[in-house]
């Protein structure tokens, strides 16, 4: 496992000078720390052939599946208008999905926000109360930033956080989940056809019902 400092989202800073990006990230991290907000998540490239994507959060208690939170479907196109340009052959950078799970206090309650979006498109996330997250610590967390993230039941792991009172018997995510009193796993998958998305959704619902 890797120690994770509070994740700073750089989604909107691509056009800024490097020093401005760094300063903005530091301010964002400091503000989150001041407010007691923690987060895990990452980004993933979107291929030209992608027709849809699906992000979700699974929660495990005492090593066993407890519940599924905050599903977020993603569409690269809104009607016929591209949300993000991702044609590398035309000289554009690949489109990227940003997936982030944030938790902390708000209005005297502890809860979470889950945001998943392509480029700058996406809905404003809603705050959901969940007091169990108060014990979740990013000191025992994994953030995956690379072209080949770990897989978990057919989905890419974008991040995970745990409440651990004993060391895991191994370094993979399955071992960490089994050792955790509470584990939150952030996942993402893309699809190249509507049929693939529907079939996966049905199988996923049976395995991890909401």
N, C-alpha and C. Protein backbone atom coordinates (compact mmCIF):
# COMPACT_ATOMS: atom_id res chain seq x y z
N UNK A 1 0.84 -1.19 0.00
CA UNK A 1 0.00 0.00 0.00
C UNK A 1 0.88 1.24 0.00
N UNK A 2 0.33 2.30 -0.47
CA UNK A 2 1.07 3.54 -0.58
C UNK A 2 0.40 4.61 0.25
N UNK A 3 1.23 5.40 0.94
CA UNK A 3 0.67 6.51 1.69
C UNK A 3 0.15 7.55 0.72
N UNK A 4 -1.03 8.03 0.99
CA UNK A 4 -1.67 8.99 0.08
C UNK A 4 -1.88 10.30 0.79
N UNK A 5 -1.22 11.35 0.30
CA UNK A 5 -1.57 12.69 0.74
C UNK A 5 -2.88 13.05 0.08
N UNK A 6 -3.60 13.97 0.65
CA UNK A 6 -4.93 14.30 0.13
C UNK A 6 -4.87 14.60 -1.36
N UNK A 7 -5.73 13.94 -2.11
CA UNK A 7 -5.69 14.04 -3.56
C UNK A 7 -6.17 15.40 -4.01
N UNK A 8 -5.40 16.03 -4.92
CA UNK A 8 -5.81 17.32 -5.47
C UNK A 8 -6.22 17.13 -6.91
N UNK A 9 -7.39 17.59 -7.25
CA UNK A 9 -7.89 17.45 -8.61
C UNK A 9 -7.30 18.54 -9.48
N UNK A 10 -6.64 18.12 -10.59
CA UNK A 10 -6.01 19.08 -11.50
C UNK A 10 -6.80 19.20 -12.80
N UNK A 11 -8.05 18.79 -12.75
CA UNK A 11 -8.85 18.71 -13.96
C UNK A 11 -8.89 20.03 -14.72
N UNK A 12 -9.10 21.12 -14.00
CA UNK A 12 -9.36 22.40 -14.66
C UNK A 12 -8.10 23.23 -14.87
N UNK A 13 -6.90 22.65 -14.58
CA UNK A 13 -5.70 23.46 -14.58
C UNK A 13 -4.82 23.23 -15.81
N UNK A 14 -5.31 22.47 -16.79
CA UNK A 14 -4.45 22.05 -17.88
C UNK A 14 -3.91 23.23 -18.68
N UNK A 15 -4.65 24.33 -18.76
CA UNK A 15 -4.23 25.46 -19.58
C UNK A 15 -3.39 26.47 -18.79
N UNK A 16 -3.17 26.23 -17.49
CA UNK A 16 -2.42 27.16 -16.67
C UNK A 16 -0.94 26.84 -16.70
N UNK A 17 -0.05 27.82 -16.43
CA UNK A 17 1.37 27.54 -16.31
C UNK A 17 1.61 26.55 -15.18
N UNK A 18 2.75 25.84 -15.25
CA UNK A 18 3.04 24.80 -14.26
C UNK A 18 3.02 25.34 -12.84
N UNK A 19 3.64 26.51 -12.62
CA UNK A 19 3.69 27.06 -11.26
C UNK A 19 2.28 27.35 -10.75
N UNK A 20 1.40 27.83 -11.63
CA UNK A 20 0.02 28.09 -11.22
C UNK A 20 -0.69 26.79 -10.88
N UNK A 21 -0.40 25.73 -11.66
CA UNK A 21 -0.99 24.43 -11.35
C UNK A 21 -0.56 23.96 -9.97
N UNK A 22 0.73 24.05 -9.69
CA UNK A 22 1.26 23.60 -8.40
C UNK A 22 0.66 24.40 -7.26
N UNK A 23 0.62 25.73 -7.41
CA UNK A 23 0.08 26.57 -6.35
C UNK A 23 -1.40 26.26 -6.11
N UNK A 24 -2.16 26.07 -7.19
CA UNK A 24 -3.58 25.76 -7.05
C UNK A 24 -3.77 24.42 -6.35
N UNK A 25 -2.94 23.42 -6.71
CA UNK A 25 -3.04 22.11 -6.06
C UNK A 25 -2.73 22.20 -4.58
N UNK A 26 -1.71 22.97 -4.22
CA UNK A 26 -1.35 23.14 -2.82
C UNK A 26 -2.47 23.81 -2.05
N UNK A 27 -3.08 24.85 -2.65
CA UNK A 27 -4.19 25.53 -1.99
C UNK A 27 -5.37 24.59 -1.80
N UNK A 28 -5.67 23.78 -2.82
CA UNK A 28 -6.78 22.84 -2.74
C UNK A 28 -6.52 21.82 -1.63
N UNK A 29 -5.31 21.28 -1.57
CA UNK A 29 -4.96 20.30 -0.54
C UNK A 29 -5.04 20.92 0.84
N UNK A 30 -4.53 22.14 1.00
CA UNK A 30 -4.56 22.81 2.30
C UNK A 30 -5.99 23.08 2.75
N UNK A 31 -6.83 23.52 1.81
CA UNK A 31 -8.23 23.81 2.15
C UNK A 31 -8.96 22.53 2.57
N UNK A 32 -8.75 21.45 1.82
CA UNK A 32 -9.38 20.19 2.20
C UNK A 32 -8.91 19.74 3.58
N UNK A 33 -7.62 19.87 3.84
CA UNK A 33 -7.09 19.48 5.14
C UNK A 33 -7.70 20.31 6.26
N UNK A 34 -7.84 21.60 6.03
CA UNK A 34 -8.43 22.51 7.02
C UNK A 34 -9.88 22.14 7.31
N UNK A 35 -10.59 21.73 6.27
CA UNK A 35 -12.01 21.38 6.42
C UNK A 35 -12.22 19.93 6.86
N UNK A 36 -11.14 19.15 6.94
CA UNK A 36 -11.26 17.76 7.34
C UNK A 36 -11.76 16.86 6.23
N UNK A 37 -11.56 17.28 4.98
CA UNK A 37 -12.03 16.50 3.83
C UNK A 37 -10.90 15.60 3.34
N UNK A 38 -11.22 14.34 3.08
CA UNK A 38 -10.27 13.39 2.52
C UNK A 38 -10.82 12.87 1.20
N UNK A 39 -9.96 12.29 0.38
CA UNK A 39 -10.42 11.82 -0.91
C UNK A 39 -9.50 10.75 -1.47
N UNK A 40 -10.07 9.91 -2.30
CA UNK A 40 -9.30 8.98 -3.12
C UNK A 40 -9.92 8.99 -4.52
N UNK A 41 -9.09 8.75 -5.51
CA UNK A 41 -9.58 8.73 -6.87
C UNK A 41 -8.44 8.88 -7.85
N UNK A 42 -8.77 8.88 -9.12
CA UNK A 42 -7.75 8.98 -10.15
C UNK A 42 -8.43 9.33 -11.46
N UNK A 43 -7.67 9.27 -12.54
CA UNK A 43 -8.21 9.54 -13.87
C UNK A 43 -7.89 8.36 -14.78
N UNK A 44 -8.67 8.25 -15.84
CA UNK A 44 -8.48 7.15 -16.79
C UNK A 44 -8.73 7.66 -18.20
N UNK A 45 -7.89 7.26 -19.16
CA UNK A 45 -8.11 7.69 -20.55
C UNK A 45 -9.35 7.03 -21.15
N UNK A 46 -9.97 7.74 -22.07
CA UNK A 46 -11.17 7.25 -22.76
C UNK A 46 -10.82 7.03 -24.22
N UNK A 47 -10.95 5.80 -24.69
CA UNK A 47 -10.63 5.49 -26.09
C UNK A 47 -11.68 6.06 -27.03
N UNK A 48 -11.29 6.28 -28.28
CA UNK A 48 -12.21 6.81 -29.29
C UNK A 48 -13.42 5.90 -29.47
N UNK A 49 -13.23 4.61 -29.24
CA UNK A 49 -14.30 3.63 -29.48
C UNK A 49 -15.28 3.51 -28.32
N UNK A 50 -15.02 4.22 -27.23
CA UNK A 50 -15.88 4.13 -26.06
C UNK A 50 -17.24 4.79 -26.32
N UNK A 51 -18.32 4.08 -25.97
CA UNK A 51 -19.65 4.65 -26.11
C UNK A 51 -20.24 5.04 -24.76
N UNK A 52 -19.74 4.46 -23.68
CA UNK A 52 -20.22 4.81 -22.34
C UNK A 52 -19.23 4.32 -21.30
N UNK A 53 -19.44 4.81 -20.08
CA UNK A 53 -18.61 4.38 -18.95
C UNK A 53 -19.46 4.30 -17.70
N UNK A 54 -18.91 3.66 -16.69
CA UNK A 54 -19.65 3.45 -15.45
C UNK A 54 -18.68 3.51 -14.28
N UNK A 55 -18.95 4.38 -13.33
CA UNK A 55 -18.14 4.50 -12.12
C UNK A 55 -19.01 4.20 -10.91
N UNK A 56 -18.43 3.59 -9.90
CA UNK A 56 -19.20 3.24 -8.70
C UNK A 56 -18.27 3.11 -7.51
N UNK A 57 -18.87 3.00 -6.33
CA UNK A 57 -18.12 2.84 -5.08
C UNK A 57 -18.71 1.65 -4.33
N UNK A 58 -17.84 0.72 -3.94
CA UNK A 58 -18.25 -0.41 -3.11
C UNK A 58 -17.72 -0.23 -1.70
N UNK A 59 -18.53 -0.60 -0.73
CA UNK A 59 -18.13 -0.51 0.67
C UNK A 59 -18.17 -1.92 1.28
N UNK A 60 -17.11 -2.25 2.02
CA UNK A 60 -17.01 -3.54 2.67
C UNK A 60 -16.86 -3.34 4.18
N UNK A 61 -17.52 -4.19 4.96
CA UNK A 61 -17.39 -4.19 6.42
C UNK A 61 -16.87 -5.54 6.86
N UNK A 62 -15.82 -5.52 7.70
CA UNK A 62 -15.23 -6.75 8.22
C UNK A 62 -14.91 -7.74 7.10
N UNK A 63 -14.43 -7.20 5.99
CA UNK A 63 -14.00 -8.03 4.88
C UNK A 63 -15.09 -8.53 3.96
N UNK A 64 -16.34 -8.16 4.23
CA UNK A 64 -17.46 -8.64 3.42
C UNK A 64 -18.19 -7.47 2.78
N UNK A 65 -18.73 -7.70 1.58
CA UNK A 65 -19.47 -6.66 0.88
C UNK A 65 -20.64 -6.17 1.73
N UNK A 66 -20.76 -4.83 1.83
CA UNK A 66 -21.83 -4.23 2.63
C UNK A 66 -22.84 -3.53 1.75
N UNK A 67 -22.36 -2.57 0.94
CA UNK A 67 -23.28 -1.85 0.06
C UNK A 67 -22.55 -1.18 -1.08
N UNK A 68 -23.33 -0.81 -2.10
CA UNK A 68 -22.81 -0.08 -3.26
C UNK A 68 -23.32 1.34 -3.20
N UNK A 69 -22.42 2.28 -3.38
CA UNK A 69 -22.77 3.70 -3.29
C UNK A 69 -22.66 4.39 -4.65
N UNK A 70 -23.45 5.40 -4.84
CA UNK A 70 -23.18 6.48 -5.79
C UNK A 70 -22.74 6.05 -7.18
N UNK A 71 -23.56 5.28 -7.87
CA UNK A 71 -23.25 4.96 -9.26
C UNK A 71 -23.21 6.23 -10.10
N UNK A 72 -22.32 6.25 -11.09
CA UNK A 72 -22.21 7.42 -11.95
C UNK A 72 -21.99 6.97 -13.40
N UNK A 73 -23.04 6.92 -14.21
CA UNK A 73 -22.85 6.61 -15.64
C UNK A 73 -22.18 7.78 -16.35
N UNK A 74 -21.36 7.48 -17.35
CA UNK A 74 -20.66 8.51 -18.10
C UNK A 74 -20.90 8.31 -19.59
N UNK A 75 -21.20 9.40 -20.28
CA UNK A 75 -21.40 9.36 -21.73
C UNK A 75 -20.42 10.34 -22.39
N UNK A 76 -19.58 9.85 -23.32
CA UNK A 76 -18.65 10.76 -23.99
C UNK A 76 -19.34 11.81 -24.84
N UNK A 77 -20.60 11.56 -25.22
CA UNK A 77 -21.32 12.51 -26.06
C UNK A 77 -22.65 12.88 -25.42
N UNK A 78 -22.99 14.14 -25.49
CA UNK A 78 -24.28 14.62 -25.04
C UNK A 78 -25.09 14.93 -26.29
N UNK A 79 -26.01 14.03 -26.64
CA UNK A 79 -26.65 14.14 -27.94
C UNK A 79 -25.63 13.82 -29.01
N UNK A 80 -25.35 14.76 -29.88
CA UNK A 80 -24.32 14.58 -30.90
C UNK A 80 -23.12 15.49 -30.65
N UNK A 81 -23.07 16.14 -29.47
CA UNK A 81 -22.00 17.08 -29.18
C UNK A 81 -20.95 16.43 -28.29
N UNK A 82 -19.71 16.32 -28.74
CA UNK A 82 -18.67 15.71 -27.89
C UNK A 82 -18.44 16.54 -26.63
N UNK A 83 -18.39 15.87 -25.48
CA UNK A 83 -18.06 16.55 -24.23
C UNK A 83 -16.56 16.80 -24.15
N UNK A 84 -15.77 15.84 -24.63
CA UNK A 84 -14.32 15.99 -24.57
C UNK A 84 -13.72 15.52 -25.89
N UNK A 85 -12.81 16.29 -26.46
CA UNK A 85 -12.13 15.89 -27.68
C UNK A 85 -11.06 14.86 -27.32
N UNK A 86 -11.11 13.71 -27.98
CA UNK A 86 -10.17 12.66 -27.63
C UNK A 86 -9.58 11.97 -28.84
N UNK A 87 -9.50 12.64 -29.96
CA UNK A 87 -8.98 12.03 -31.17
C UNK A 87 -7.48 12.28 -31.27
N UNK A 88 -6.70 11.28 -30.83
CA UNK A 88 -5.25 11.46 -30.83
C UNK A 88 -4.69 11.62 -32.24
N UNK A 89 -5.34 10.99 -33.24
CA UNK A 89 -4.87 11.10 -34.63
C UNK A 89 -4.98 12.52 -35.15
N UNK A 90 -5.92 13.28 -34.59
CA UNK A 90 -6.09 14.67 -35.02
C UNK A 90 -5.21 15.63 -34.21
N UNK A 91 -4.42 15.07 -33.31
CA UNK A 91 -3.52 15.91 -32.53
C UNK A 91 -4.05 16.31 -31.17
N UNK A 92 -5.24 15.83 -30.81
CA UNK A 92 -5.79 16.15 -29.50
C UNK A 92 -5.32 15.13 -28.46
N UNK A 93 -5.22 15.57 -27.24
CA UNK A 93 -4.93 14.63 -26.16
C UNK A 93 -6.13 13.72 -25.95
N UNK A 94 -5.91 12.47 -25.51
CA UNK A 94 -7.05 11.57 -25.28
C UNK A 94 -8.01 12.15 -24.25
N UNK A 95 -9.29 11.89 -24.46
CA UNK A 95 -10.27 12.27 -23.46
C UNK A 95 -9.99 11.50 -22.17
N UNK A 96 -10.30 12.11 -21.04
CA UNK A 96 -9.98 11.51 -19.75
C UNK A 96 -11.18 11.61 -18.82
N UNK A 97 -11.46 10.53 -18.11
CA UNK A 97 -12.49 10.54 -17.08
C UNK A 97 -11.82 10.76 -15.73
N UNK A 98 -12.37 11.68 -14.95
CA UNK A 98 -11.90 11.92 -13.58
C UNK A 98 -12.91 11.31 -12.61
N UNK A 99 -12.43 10.45 -11.73
CA UNK A 99 -13.29 9.76 -10.77
C UNK A 99 -12.73 10.00 -9.38
N UNK A 100 -13.54 10.59 -8.49
CA UNK A 100 -13.05 10.95 -7.15
C UNK A 100 -14.15 10.78 -6.11
N UNK A 101 -13.78 10.16 -5.00
CA UNK A 101 -14.66 9.98 -3.86
C UNK A 101 -14.11 10.83 -2.72
N UNK A 102 -14.94 11.74 -2.19
CA UNK A 102 -14.53 12.64 -1.11
C UNK A 102 -15.43 12.44 0.09
N UNK A 103 -14.85 12.52 1.30
CA UNK A 103 -15.67 12.40 2.50
C UNK A 103 -15.15 13.32 3.59
N UNK A 104 -16.05 13.68 4.50
CA UNK A 104 -15.69 14.57 5.59
C UNK A 104 -16.93 15.22 6.19
N UNK A 105 -16.72 16.20 7.08
CA UNK A 105 -17.86 16.83 7.76
C UNK A 105 -18.52 17.92 6.93
N UNK A 106 -19.83 18.06 7.14
CA UNK A 106 -20.58 19.15 6.52
C UNK A 106 -21.85 19.37 7.33
N UNK A 107 -22.04 20.60 7.77
CA UNK A 107 -23.24 20.96 8.54
C UNK A 107 -23.42 20.05 9.75
N UNK A 108 -22.31 19.71 10.42
CA UNK A 108 -22.38 18.89 11.62
C UNK A 108 -22.58 17.40 11.35
N UNK A 109 -22.52 17.01 10.08
CA UNK A 109 -22.69 15.59 9.73
C UNK A 109 -21.45 15.12 8.97
N UNK A 110 -21.23 13.81 8.98
CA UNK A 110 -20.16 13.21 8.18
C UNK A 110 -20.79 12.50 7.00
N UNK A 111 -20.26 12.73 5.82
CA UNK A 111 -20.82 12.11 4.64
C UNK A 111 -19.84 12.16 3.48
N UNK A 112 -20.36 11.96 2.26
CA UNK A 112 -19.48 11.85 1.11
C UNK A 112 -20.08 12.54 -0.12
N UNK A 113 -19.18 12.83 -1.05
CA UNK A 113 -19.51 13.26 -2.40
C UNK A 113 -18.82 12.31 -3.36
N UNK A 114 -19.46 12.01 -4.47
CA UNK A 114 -18.82 11.18 -5.49
C UNK A 114 -18.99 11.86 -6.83
N UNK A 115 -17.87 12.19 -7.47
CA UNK A 115 -17.95 12.85 -8.75
C UNK A 115 -17.17 12.05 -9.80
N UNK A 116 -17.80 11.86 -10.93
CA UNK A 116 -17.17 11.18 -12.06
C UNK A 116 -17.59 11.94 -13.31
N UNK A 117 -16.62 12.34 -14.09
CA UNK A 117 -16.95 13.18 -15.24
C UNK A 117 -15.90 13.03 -16.33
N UNK A 118 -16.23 13.44 -17.52
CA UNK A 118 -15.31 13.47 -18.65
C UNK A 118 -15.03 14.92 -18.98
N UNK A 119 -13.77 15.29 -18.97
CA UNK A 119 -13.41 16.69 -19.19
C UNK A 119 -14.05 17.56 -18.14
N UNK A 120 -14.68 18.64 -18.57
CA UNK A 120 -15.37 19.54 -17.65
C UNK A 120 -16.85 19.24 -17.54
N UNK A 121 -17.32 18.19 -18.25
CA UNK A 121 -18.74 17.86 -18.22
C UNK A 121 -19.09 17.03 -17.00
N UNK A 122 -20.29 17.16 -16.53
CA UNK A 122 -20.73 16.36 -15.39
C UNK A 122 -21.64 17.15 -14.48
N UNK A 123 -22.36 16.45 -13.64
CA UNK A 123 -23.29 17.07 -12.71
C UNK A 123 -22.58 17.43 -11.41
N UNK A 124 -23.09 18.42 -10.71
CA UNK A 124 -22.56 18.78 -9.40
C UNK A 124 -22.93 17.65 -8.42
N UNK A 125 -21.96 17.05 -7.73
CA UNK A 125 -22.28 15.93 -6.85
C UNK A 125 -23.10 16.35 -5.64
N UNK A 126 -23.90 15.42 -5.13
CA UNK A 126 -24.74 15.67 -3.98
C UNK A 126 -24.11 15.07 -2.72
N UNK A 127 -24.24 15.77 -1.61
CA UNK A 127 -23.71 15.29 -0.33
C UNK A 127 -24.65 14.25 0.26
N UNK A 128 -24.09 13.12 0.68
CA UNK A 128 -24.86 12.05 1.30
C UNK A 128 -24.29 11.76 2.69
N UNK A 129 -25.15 11.70 3.68
CA UNK A 129 -24.69 11.43 5.04
C UNK A 129 -24.28 9.97 5.19
N UNK A 130 -23.14 9.73 5.86
CA UNK A 130 -22.68 8.37 6.15
C UNK A 130 -21.68 8.44 7.30
N UNK A 131 -22.15 8.36 8.56
CA UNK A 131 -21.26 8.55 9.72
C UNK A 131 -20.14 7.53 9.83
N UNK A 132 -20.29 6.35 9.23
CA UNK A 132 -19.26 5.33 9.33
C UNK A 132 -17.93 5.78 8.71
N UNK A 133 -17.99 6.76 7.81
CA UNK A 133 -16.77 7.22 7.13
C UNK A 133 -15.84 8.01 8.04
N UNK A 134 -16.30 8.39 9.23
CA UNK A 134 -15.47 9.19 10.13
C UNK A 134 -14.18 8.46 10.50
N UNK A 135 -14.21 7.12 10.53
CA UNK A 135 -13.04 6.34 10.91
C UNK A 135 -12.13 6.02 9.73
N UNK A 136 -12.56 6.35 8.52
CA UNK A 136 -11.79 6.01 7.33
C UNK A 136 -10.61 6.97 7.18
N UNK A 137 -9.42 6.43 6.98
CA UNK A 137 -8.21 7.26 7.01
C UNK A 137 -7.42 7.08 5.72
N UNK A 138 -7.00 8.18 5.12
CA UNK A 138 -6.21 8.09 3.89
C UNK A 138 -4.77 7.69 4.15
N UNK A 139 -4.36 7.55 5.41
CA UNK A 139 -3.02 7.03 5.67
C UNK A 139 -2.92 5.57 5.23
N UNK A 140 -4.06 4.91 5.16
CA UNK A 140 -4.10 3.53 4.68
C UNK A 140 -4.95 3.52 3.41
N UNK A 141 -4.34 3.96 2.34
CA UNK A 141 -5.09 4.13 1.10
C UNK A 141 -4.24 3.76 -0.10
N UNK A 142 -4.92 3.55 -1.19
CA UNK A 142 -4.25 3.29 -2.46
C UNK A 142 -4.81 4.23 -3.50
N UNK A 143 -3.91 4.83 -4.27
CA UNK A 143 -4.33 5.64 -5.42
C UNK A 143 -3.57 5.12 -6.62
N UNK A 144 -4.26 4.86 -7.69
CA UNK A 144 -3.64 4.24 -8.85
C UNK A 144 -3.58 5.22 -10.00
N UNK A 145 -2.36 5.55 -10.43
CA UNK A 145 -2.18 6.49 -11.50
C UNK A 145 -1.28 5.86 -12.55
N UNK A 146 -1.83 5.24 -13.53
CA UNK A 146 -1.02 4.61 -14.55
C UNK A 146 -1.91 4.00 -15.62
N UNK A 147 -1.29 3.52 -16.70
CA UNK A 147 -2.07 2.98 -17.81
C UNK A 147 -2.71 1.62 -17.50
N UNK A 148 -2.23 0.93 -16.49
CA UNK A 148 -2.75 -0.41 -16.18
C UNK A 148 -3.13 -0.52 -14.70
N UNK A 149 -4.25 0.07 -14.30
CA UNK A 149 -4.65 0.00 -12.89
C UNK A 149 -5.07 -1.42 -12.52
N UNK A 150 -5.03 -1.78 -11.24
CA UNK A 150 -5.49 -3.11 -10.82
C UNK A 150 -6.95 -3.31 -11.19
N UNK A 151 -7.32 -4.56 -11.37
CA UNK A 151 -8.70 -4.91 -11.71
C UNK A 151 -9.39 -5.54 -10.51
N UNK A 152 -10.68 -5.24 -10.37
CA UNK A 152 -11.47 -5.81 -9.29
C UNK A 152 -12.82 -6.20 -9.86
N UNK A 153 -13.04 -7.50 -10.03
CA UNK A 153 -14.30 -8.02 -10.57
C UNK A 153 -14.67 -7.34 -11.90
N UNK A 154 -13.67 -7.21 -12.77
CA UNK A 154 -13.92 -6.69 -14.11
C UNK A 154 -13.90 -5.19 -14.25
N UNK A 155 -13.59 -4.45 -13.17
CA UNK A 155 -13.52 -2.99 -13.24
C UNK A 155 -12.15 -2.51 -12.81
N UNK A 156 -11.74 -1.33 -13.30
CA UNK A 156 -10.47 -0.74 -12.92
C UNK A 156 -10.58 -0.04 -11.57
N UNK A 157 -9.60 -0.25 -10.71
CA UNK A 157 -9.59 0.38 -9.39
C UNK A 157 -9.00 1.79 -9.52
N UNK A 158 -9.81 2.81 -9.24
CA UNK A 158 -9.35 4.19 -9.27
C UNK A 158 -8.80 4.65 -7.93
N UNK A 159 -9.16 3.96 -6.86
CA UNK A 159 -8.66 4.31 -5.53
C UNK A 159 -9.36 3.48 -4.48
N UNK A 160 -8.78 3.44 -3.30
CA UNK A 160 -9.38 2.70 -2.19
C UNK A 160 -8.87 3.27 -0.88
N UNK A 161 -9.69 3.19 0.16
CA UNK A 161 -9.29 3.64 1.50
C UNK A 161 -9.81 2.63 2.51
N UNK A 162 -9.09 2.48 3.61
CA UNK A 162 -9.39 1.42 4.56
C UNK A 162 -9.31 1.91 6.00
N UNK A 163 -10.05 1.25 6.88
CA UNK A 163 -9.84 1.34 8.32
C UNK A 163 -9.22 0.02 8.74
N UNK A 164 -7.92 0.04 9.01
CA UNK A 164 -7.18 -1.19 9.30
C UNK A 164 -6.72 -1.22 10.75
N UNK A 165 -7.05 -2.30 11.45
CA UNK A 165 -6.54 -2.52 12.80
C UNK A 165 -5.60 -3.70 12.87
N UNK A 166 -5.36 -4.34 11.71
CA UNK A 166 -4.40 -5.44 11.63
C UNK A 166 -3.78 -5.42 10.24
N UNK A 167 -2.55 -5.87 10.10
CA UNK A 167 -1.91 -5.83 8.78
C UNK A 167 -2.54 -6.83 7.83
N UNK A 168 -2.68 -6.48 6.56
CA UNK A 168 -3.23 -7.42 5.58
C UNK A 168 -2.26 -8.55 5.27
N UNK A 169 -2.79 -9.70 4.92
CA UNK A 169 -1.97 -10.84 4.54
C UNK A 169 -1.71 -10.81 3.04
N UNK A 170 -0.97 -9.79 2.61
CA UNK A 170 -0.69 -9.59 1.20
C UNK A 170 -0.80 -8.12 0.86
N UNK A 171 -0.45 -7.76 -0.39
CA UNK A 171 -0.44 -6.36 -0.79
C UNK A 171 -1.53 -6.02 -1.80
N UNK A 172 -2.28 -7.01 -2.28
CA UNK A 172 -3.30 -6.68 -3.26
C UNK A 172 -4.56 -6.18 -2.57
N UNK A 173 -5.49 -5.68 -3.37
CA UNK A 173 -6.67 -5.04 -2.81
C UNK A 173 -7.58 -6.03 -2.09
N UNK A 174 -7.62 -7.27 -2.56
CA UNK A 174 -8.44 -8.29 -1.90
C UNK A 174 -7.95 -8.53 -0.48
N UNK A 175 -6.63 -8.58 -0.29
CA UNK A 175 -6.06 -8.79 1.04
C UNK A 175 -6.37 -7.62 1.96
N UNK A 176 -6.31 -6.40 1.43
CA UNK A 176 -6.59 -5.21 2.24
C UNK A 176 -8.07 -5.19 2.65
N UNK A 177 -8.96 -5.56 1.74
CA UNK A 177 -10.38 -5.58 2.06
C UNK A 177 -10.66 -6.58 3.17
N UNK A 178 -10.06 -7.77 3.09
CA UNK A 178 -10.28 -8.80 4.09
C UNK A 178 -9.78 -8.38 5.47
N UNK A 179 -8.73 -7.56 5.51
CA UNK A 179 -8.15 -7.14 6.79
C UNK A 179 -8.82 -5.90 7.37
N UNK A 180 -9.66 -5.23 6.58
CA UNK A 180 -10.20 -3.93 6.99
C UNK A 180 -11.52 -4.05 7.75
N UNK A 181 -11.67 -3.22 8.78
CA UNK A 181 -12.98 -3.07 9.41
C UNK A 181 -13.94 -2.40 8.44
N UNK A 182 -13.41 -1.43 7.68
CA UNK A 182 -14.20 -0.73 6.67
C UNK A 182 -13.30 -0.47 5.47
N UNK A 183 -13.79 -0.75 4.29
CA UNK A 183 -13.04 -0.50 3.06
C UNK A 183 -13.95 0.15 2.04
N UNK A 184 -13.44 1.18 1.37
CA UNK A 184 -14.16 1.86 0.30
C UNK A 184 -13.33 1.74 -0.97
N UNK A 185 -13.93 1.20 -2.02
CA UNK A 185 -13.21 0.94 -3.27
C UNK A 185 -13.91 1.69 -4.41
N UNK A 186 -13.15 2.52 -5.12
CA UNK A 186 -13.68 3.34 -6.21
C UNK A 186 -13.31 2.66 -7.54
N UNK A 187 -14.31 2.41 -8.38
CA UNK A 187 -14.12 1.61 -9.58
C UNK A 187 -14.65 2.31 -10.83
N UNK A 188 -14.09 1.92 -11.99
CA UNK A 188 -14.51 2.54 -13.25
C UNK A 188 -14.32 1.54 -14.39
N UNK A 189 -15.24 1.60 -15.37
CA UNK A 189 -15.14 0.73 -16.54
C UNK A 189 -15.76 1.44 -17.74
N UNK A 190 -15.19 1.21 -18.92
CA UNK A 190 -15.75 1.76 -20.15
C UNK A 190 -16.28 0.62 -21.02
N UNK A 191 -17.18 0.99 -21.94
CA UNK A 191 -17.82 0.00 -22.82
C UNK A 191 -17.76 0.50 -24.26
N UNK A 192 -17.64 -0.45 -25.18
CA UNK A 192 -17.58 -0.11 -26.60
C UNK A 192 -18.88 -0.40 -27.33
N UNK A 193 -19.87 -0.91 -26.61
CA UNK A 193 -21.20 -1.10 -27.21
C UNK A 193 -22.25 -1.05 -26.11
N UNK A 194 -23.46 -0.72 -26.49
CA UNK A 194 -24.55 -0.66 -25.53
C UNK A 194 -24.86 -2.05 -24.98
N UNK A 195 -24.75 -3.07 -25.82
CA UNK A 195 -25.03 -4.43 -25.37
C UNK A 195 -24.06 -4.86 -24.28
N UNK A 196 -22.77 -4.51 -24.45
CA UNK A 196 -21.77 -4.84 -23.43
C UNK A 196 -22.11 -4.16 -22.10
N UNK A 197 -22.53 -2.91 -22.19
CA UNK A 197 -22.85 -2.16 -20.97
C UNK A 197 -24.05 -2.77 -20.26
N UNK A 198 -25.07 -3.13 -21.01
CA UNK A 198 -26.28 -3.72 -20.41
C UNK A 198 -25.96 -5.06 -19.77
N UNK A 199 -25.21 -5.91 -20.46
CA UNK A 199 -24.86 -7.23 -19.94
C UNK A 199 -24.03 -7.11 -18.67
N UNK A 200 -23.06 -6.20 -18.69
CA UNK A 200 -22.22 -6.02 -17.50
C UNK A 200 -23.06 -5.49 -16.34
N UNK A 201 -23.94 -4.54 -16.61
CA UNK A 201 -24.77 -3.97 -15.56
C UNK A 201 -25.64 -5.00 -14.88
N UNK A 202 -26.20 -5.94 -15.64
CA UNK A 202 -27.04 -6.98 -15.06
C UNK A 202 -26.22 -7.90 -14.16
N UNK A 203 -25.05 -8.31 -14.64
CA UNK A 203 -24.19 -9.19 -13.85
C UNK A 203 -23.70 -8.49 -12.59
N UNK A 204 -23.36 -7.20 -12.72
CA UNK A 204 -22.87 -6.42 -11.59
C UNK A 204 -23.95 -6.26 -10.52
N UNK A 205 -25.17 -6.03 -10.94
CA UNK A 205 -26.28 -5.86 -10.01
C UNK A 205 -26.53 -7.14 -9.20
N UNK A 206 -26.34 -8.28 -9.81
CA UNK A 206 -26.53 -9.53 -9.09
C UNK A 206 -25.40 -9.77 -8.08
N UNK A 207 -24.19 -9.38 -8.46
CA UNK A 207 -23.05 -9.63 -7.58
C UNK A 207 -22.93 -8.59 -6.47
N UNK A 208 -23.20 -7.33 -6.81
CA UNK A 208 -23.09 -6.25 -5.82
C UNK A 208 -24.37 -5.41 -5.84
N UNK A 209 -25.46 -5.91 -5.30
CA UNK A 209 -26.74 -5.18 -5.36
C UNK A 209 -26.68 -3.88 -4.57
N UNK A 210 -27.43 -2.89 -5.07
CA UNK A 210 -27.45 -1.59 -4.42
C UNK A 210 -28.58 -1.53 -3.39
